[in-house]
Amino acid sequence: MSGFRAFKAKVPIEWSQNLYITLVRGLPGTRKLHRRTLEAMGLRRCHRTVLHSNTSSIRGMIQQVKRMVVVETEEMYKARKEAEANHKALRPPLVVRHSIPAAGSSNMS
């Protein structure tokens, strides 16, 4: 599954107070209007996330650059960050014990 589809919202964004907007596609080769819209939202680099309140003007900006950004609600953002933290968490070390043969039971002749 692509990174873009992994972020796709599962609930309507109208239900959330705040929106987490992440830029998932690069700026080179895009229209100047789209670049200016992204800069107005505070997105200047790929894979950066900004927080905006859910207003009609922000939703209009999102609609204009929807192929380049991913919108998450607060619950979705927190769940994703928690999953990433669990994935990066330290795991217990793998312990391998090799048995040492007893001194009297060697097969050397």
N, C-alpha and C. Protein backbone atom coordinates (compact mmCIF):
# COMPACT_ATOMS: atom_id res chain seq x y z
N MET A 1 0.85 -1.18 0.00
CA MET A 1 0.00 0.00 0.00
C MET A 1 0.90 1.24 0.00
N SER A 2 0.55 2.20 -0.79
CA SER A 2 1.36 3.41 -0.88
C SER A 2 1.18 4.26 0.38
N GLY A 3 2.16 5.14 0.61
CA GLY A 3 2.09 6.02 1.77
C GLY A 3 0.90 6.96 1.71
N PHE A 4 0.53 7.34 0.50
CA PHE A 4 -0.60 8.25 0.34
C PHE A 4 -1.89 7.59 0.80
N ARG A 5 -2.11 6.33 0.41
CA ARG A 5 -3.34 5.63 0.80
C ARG A 5 -3.35 5.27 2.28
N ALA A 6 -2.17 5.10 2.87
CA ALA A 6 -2.10 4.74 4.28
C ALA A 6 -2.61 5.86 5.16
N PHE A 7 -2.51 7.11 4.70
CA PHE A 7 -2.92 8.25 5.50
C PHE A 7 -4.38 8.63 5.29
N LYS A 8 -5.04 8.04 4.30
CA LYS A 8 -6.37 8.50 3.92
C LYS A 8 -7.34 8.52 5.11
N ALA A 9 -8.13 9.56 5.18
CA ALA A 9 -9.07 9.74 6.28
C ALA A 9 -10.21 8.73 6.18
N LYS A 10 -10.61 8.18 7.31
CA LYS A 10 -11.69 7.21 7.35
C LYS A 10 -12.99 7.85 7.84
N VAL A 11 -12.92 9.04 8.38
CA VAL A 11 -14.12 9.74 8.86
C VAL A 11 -14.18 11.10 8.19
N PRO A 12 -15.37 11.66 8.03
CA PRO A 12 -15.47 12.99 7.43
C PRO A 12 -14.75 14.04 8.27
N ILE A 13 -14.04 14.94 7.59
CA ILE A 13 -13.27 15.93 8.32
C ILE A 13 -14.16 17.01 8.93
N GLU A 14 -15.42 17.06 8.54
CA GLU A 14 -16.32 18.08 9.10
C GLU A 14 -16.59 17.82 10.59
N TRP A 15 -16.34 16.60 11.06
CA TRP A 15 -16.65 16.25 12.44
C TRP A 15 -15.58 16.70 13.42
N SER A 16 -14.41 17.05 12.94
CA SER A 16 -13.30 17.35 13.82
C SER A 16 -13.10 18.85 13.99
N GLN A 17 -12.68 19.25 15.18
CA GLN A 17 -12.38 20.66 15.45
C GLN A 17 -11.08 21.09 14.79
N ASN A 18 -10.07 20.23 14.88
CA ASN A 18 -8.76 20.54 14.33
C ASN A 18 -8.41 19.55 13.24
N LEU A 19 -7.63 20.01 12.28
CA LEU A 19 -7.19 19.17 11.17
C LEU A 19 -5.67 19.14 11.14
N TYR A 20 -5.12 17.96 11.00
CA TYR A 20 -3.69 17.78 10.82
C TYR A 20 -3.46 17.55 9.33
N ILE A 21 -2.72 18.46 8.70
CA ILE A 21 -2.52 18.41 7.26
C ILE A 21 -1.05 18.09 7.01
N THR A 22 -0.80 17.03 6.22
CA THR A 22 0.55 16.58 5.94
C THR A 22 0.79 16.65 4.44
N LEU A 23 1.92 17.21 4.05
CA LEU A 23 2.31 17.27 2.65
C LEU A 23 2.98 15.95 2.29
N VAL A 24 2.43 15.21 1.33
CA VAL A 24 2.98 13.89 0.98
C VAL A 24 3.58 13.85 -0.41
N ARG A 25 3.43 14.90 -1.18
CA ARG A 25 4.04 14.96 -2.51
C ARG A 25 4.91 16.21 -2.60
N GLY A 26 5.95 16.13 -3.37
CA GLY A 26 6.89 17.23 -3.47
C GLY A 26 6.36 18.43 -4.24
N LEU A 27 7.01 19.55 -4.05
CA LEU A 27 6.60 20.79 -4.70
C LEU A 27 7.11 20.97 -6.13
N PRO A 28 8.27 20.43 -6.51
CA PRO A 28 8.75 20.66 -7.87
C PRO A 28 7.76 20.14 -8.92
N GLY A 29 7.54 20.95 -9.93
CA GLY A 29 6.66 20.56 -11.02
C GLY A 29 5.19 20.88 -10.78
N THR A 30 4.88 21.56 -9.69
CA THR A 30 3.48 21.89 -9.42
C THR A 30 3.18 23.31 -9.89
N ARG A 31 1.91 23.61 -9.95
CA ARG A 31 1.50 24.95 -10.36
C ARG A 31 1.89 25.98 -9.30
N LYS A 32 2.12 27.18 -9.76
CA LYS A 32 2.51 28.25 -8.84
C LYS A 32 1.38 28.54 -7.84
N LEU A 33 0.14 28.45 -8.28
CA LEU A 33 -1.01 28.66 -7.40
C LEU A 33 -1.04 27.62 -6.28
N HIS A 34 -0.73 26.36 -6.62
CA HIS A 34 -0.70 25.31 -5.61
C HIS A 34 0.44 25.53 -4.62
N ARG A 35 1.60 25.93 -5.13
CA ARG A 35 2.73 26.20 -4.23
C ARG A 35 2.42 27.33 -3.28
N ARG A 36 1.77 28.37 -3.78
CA ARG A 36 1.41 29.49 -2.91
C ARG A 36 0.36 29.09 -1.88
N THR A 37 -0.58 28.23 -2.28
CA THR A 37 -1.58 27.74 -1.34
C THR A 37 -0.93 26.93 -0.23
N LEU A 38 0.00 26.04 -0.60
CA LEU A 38 0.69 25.23 0.40
C LEU A 38 1.53 26.09 1.33
N GLU A 39 2.16 27.10 0.79
CA GLU A 39 2.96 27.99 1.62
C GLU A 39 2.07 28.79 2.57
N ALA A 40 0.88 29.16 2.11
CA ALA A 40 -0.06 29.88 2.98
C ALA A 40 -0.53 28.99 4.12
N MET A 41 -0.59 27.70 3.89
CA MET A 41 -0.98 26.76 4.96
C MET A 41 0.20 26.41 5.86
N GLY A 42 1.41 26.81 5.46
CA GLY A 42 2.59 26.53 6.29
C GLY A 42 3.30 25.25 5.92
N LEU A 43 3.01 24.69 4.74
CA LEU A 43 3.65 23.45 4.31
C LEU A 43 4.73 23.78 3.28
N ARG A 44 5.98 23.69 3.71
CA ARG A 44 7.08 24.03 2.82
C ARG A 44 7.93 22.83 2.45
N ARG A 45 7.83 21.74 3.21
CA ARG A 45 8.63 20.56 2.96
C ARG A 45 7.76 19.32 2.99
N CYS A 46 8.20 18.31 2.27
CA CYS A 46 7.46 17.06 2.20
C CYS A 46 7.49 16.34 3.56
N HIS A 47 6.42 15.65 3.88
CA HIS A 47 6.24 14.87 5.12
C HIS A 47 6.26 15.75 6.38
N ARG A 48 5.87 17.00 6.25
CA ARG A 48 5.71 17.88 7.40
C ARG A 48 4.22 18.04 7.67
N THR A 49 3.87 18.17 8.93
CA THR A 49 2.48 18.25 9.34
C THR A 49 2.23 19.57 10.04
N VAL A 50 1.09 20.20 9.72
CA VAL A 50 0.68 21.43 10.39
C VAL A 50 -0.72 21.22 10.95
N LEU A 51 -1.04 21.99 11.98
CA LEU A 51 -2.33 21.92 12.63
C LEU A 51 -3.11 23.18 12.31
N HIS A 52 -4.33 23.01 11.81
CA HIS A 52 -5.22 24.14 11.51
C HIS A 52 -6.59 23.85 12.08
N SER A 53 -7.29 24.91 12.42
CA SER A 53 -8.69 24.72 12.85
C SER A 53 -9.53 24.44 11.62
N ASN A 54 -10.63 23.75 11.82
CA ASN A 54 -11.48 23.31 10.72
C ASN A 54 -12.41 24.45 10.31
N THR A 55 -11.96 25.26 9.35
CA THR A 55 -12.77 26.36 8.84
C THR A 55 -13.02 26.15 7.35
N SER A 56 -13.97 26.88 6.83
CA SER A 56 -14.30 26.72 5.41
C SER A 56 -13.15 27.18 4.52
N SER A 57 -12.40 28.20 4.94
CA SER A 57 -11.28 28.66 4.11
C SER A 57 -10.17 27.61 4.04
N ILE A 58 -9.88 26.96 5.16
CA ILE A 58 -8.87 25.90 5.16
C ILE A 58 -9.34 24.71 4.34
N ARG A 59 -10.62 24.35 4.46
CA ARG A 59 -11.15 23.24 3.65
C ARG A 59 -11.08 23.56 2.16
N GLY A 60 -11.29 24.84 1.79
CA GLY A 60 -11.15 25.24 0.40
C GLY A 60 -9.72 25.11 -0.09
N MET A 61 -8.76 25.47 0.75
CA MET A 61 -7.35 25.30 0.40
C MET A 61 -7.01 23.82 0.23
N ILE A 62 -7.53 23.00 1.13
CA ILE A 62 -7.28 21.56 1.05
C ILE A 62 -7.87 21.01 -0.24
N GLN A 63 -9.05 21.46 -0.60
CA GLN A 63 -9.70 20.99 -1.82
C GLN A 63 -8.86 21.34 -3.05
N GLN A 64 -8.19 22.48 -3.00
CA GLN A 64 -7.39 22.92 -4.14
C GLN A 64 -6.14 22.07 -4.33
N VAL A 65 -5.55 21.61 -3.25
CA VAL A 65 -4.31 20.83 -3.33
C VAL A 65 -4.50 19.41 -2.77
N LYS A 66 -5.67 18.85 -2.95
CA LYS A 66 -6.00 17.57 -2.32
C LYS A 66 -5.15 16.42 -2.80
N ARG A 67 -4.58 16.49 -4.00
CA ARG A 67 -3.76 15.40 -4.49
C ARG A 67 -2.36 15.41 -3.86
N MET A 68 -2.02 16.49 -3.17
CA MET A 68 -0.68 16.62 -2.60
C MET A 68 -0.65 16.49 -1.08
N VAL A 69 -1.80 16.58 -0.44
CA VAL A 69 -1.84 16.57 1.02
C VAL A 69 -2.73 15.44 1.52
N VAL A 70 -2.55 15.13 2.80
CA VAL A 70 -3.39 14.18 3.49
C VAL A 70 -3.93 14.87 4.72
N VAL A 71 -5.22 14.70 4.97
CA VAL A 71 -5.88 15.36 6.10
C VAL A 71 -6.27 14.30 7.12
N GLU A 72 -5.92 14.55 8.37
CA GLU A 72 -6.26 13.63 9.46
C GLU A 72 -6.98 14.38 10.56
N THR A 73 -7.86 13.68 11.24
CA THR A 73 -8.49 14.25 12.42
C THR A 73 -7.53 14.08 13.59
N GLU A 74 -7.89 14.68 14.71
CA GLU A 74 -7.00 14.62 15.88
C GLU A 74 -6.82 13.18 16.38
N GLU A 75 -7.89 12.40 16.40
CA GLU A 75 -7.82 11.02 16.88
C GLU A 75 -6.94 10.18 15.95
N MET A 76 -7.10 10.39 14.65
CA MET A 76 -6.31 9.62 13.69
C MET A 76 -4.83 9.97 13.80
N TYR A 77 -4.53 11.24 13.98
CA TYR A 77 -3.14 11.67 14.10
C TYR A 77 -2.49 11.06 15.35
N LYS A 78 -3.20 11.11 16.47
CA LYS A 78 -2.65 10.55 17.71
C LYS A 78 -2.47 9.04 17.60
N ALA A 79 -3.41 8.36 16.96
CA ALA A 79 -3.29 6.91 16.79
C ALA A 79 -2.10 6.56 15.90
N ARG A 80 -1.88 7.33 14.85
CA ARG A 80 -0.74 7.08 13.95
C ARG A 80 0.57 7.33 14.66
N LYS A 81 0.65 8.42 15.43
CA LYS A 81 1.88 8.71 16.15
C LYS A 81 2.18 7.65 17.21
N GLU A 82 1.13 7.16 17.87
CA GLU A 82 1.31 6.11 18.88
C GLU A 82 1.80 4.82 18.22
N ALA A 83 1.23 4.49 17.06
CA ALA A 83 1.67 3.29 16.34
C ALA A 83 3.12 3.41 15.90
N GLU A 84 3.52 4.60 15.44
CA GLU A 84 4.91 4.82 15.06
C GLU A 84 5.84 4.70 16.26
N ALA A 85 5.42 5.23 17.40
CA ALA A 85 6.25 5.14 18.61
C ALA A 85 6.39 3.70 19.07
N ASN A 86 5.31 2.92 18.99
CA ASN A 86 5.38 1.51 19.37
C ASN A 86 6.29 0.74 18.43
N HIS A 87 6.29 1.11 17.16
CA HIS A 87 7.14 0.42 16.20
C HIS A 87 8.61 0.72 16.45
N LYS A 88 8.91 1.95 16.89
CA LYS A 88 10.29 2.35 17.13
C LYS A 88 10.77 2.01 18.54
N ALA A 89 9.87 1.52 19.39
CA ALA A 89 10.22 1.24 20.78
C ALA A 89 11.28 0.15 20.85
N LEU A 90 12.10 0.23 21.89
CA LEU A 90 13.14 -0.77 22.07
C LEU A 90 12.52 -2.11 22.42
N ARG A 91 13.05 -3.13 21.81
CA ARG A 91 12.57 -4.48 22.09
C ARG A 91 13.60 -5.18 22.96
N PRO A 92 13.20 -6.18 23.72
CA PRO A 92 14.19 -6.89 24.54
C PRO A 92 15.22 -7.57 23.65
N PRO A 93 16.45 -7.64 24.11
CA PRO A 93 17.49 -8.23 23.28
C PRO A 93 17.28 -9.72 23.06
N LEU A 94 17.71 -10.19 21.92
CA LEU A 94 17.63 -11.60 21.59
C LEU A 94 18.84 -12.29 22.20
N VAL A 95 18.60 -13.25 23.07
CA VAL A 95 19.68 -13.94 23.76
C VAL A 95 19.81 -15.34 23.17
N VAL A 96 21.00 -15.64 22.67
CA VAL A 96 21.27 -16.96 22.10
C VAL A 96 22.27 -17.64 23.02
N ARG A 97 21.90 -18.80 23.50
CA ARG A 97 22.80 -19.56 24.39
C ARG A 97 23.28 -20.81 23.65
N HIS A 98 24.56 -20.91 23.54
CA HIS A 98 25.16 -22.09 22.93
C HIS A 98 25.58 -23.02 24.08
N SER A 99 25.17 -24.25 23.96
CA SER A 99 25.53 -25.18 25.03
C SER A 99 26.98 -25.60 24.85
N ILE A 100 27.70 -25.61 25.94
CA ILE A 100 29.11 -26.02 25.92
C ILE A 100 29.15 -27.48 26.31
N PRO A 101 29.76 -28.31 25.49
CA PRO A 101 29.80 -29.74 25.83
C PRO A 101 30.60 -29.98 27.10
N ALA A 102 30.18 -30.98 27.84
CA ALA A 102 30.86 -31.32 29.08
C ALA A 102 32.28 -31.79 28.77
N ALA A 103 33.21 -31.62 29.72
CA ALA A 103 34.62 -31.94 29.50
C ALA A 103 34.84 -33.44 29.31
N GLY A 104 34.07 -34.27 29.98
CA GLY A 104 34.28 -35.73 29.91
C GLY A 104 33.61 -36.35 28.70
N SER A 105 32.75 -35.66 28.01
CA SER A 105 32.02 -36.30 26.91
C SER A 105 32.47 -35.83 25.55
N SER A 106 33.73 -35.51 25.40
CA SER A 106 34.21 -35.10 24.10
C SER A 106 34.42 -36.31 23.21
N ASN A 107 34.19 -36.15 21.94
CA ASN A 107 34.31 -37.27 20.99
C ASN A 107 35.65 -37.27 20.28
N MET A 108 36.61 -36.61 20.81
CA MET A 108 37.91 -36.55 20.17
C MET A 108 38.70 -37.79 20.57
N SER A 109 39.37 -38.46 19.60
CA SER A 109 40.13 -39.68 19.90
C SER A 109 41.60 -39.44 19.79
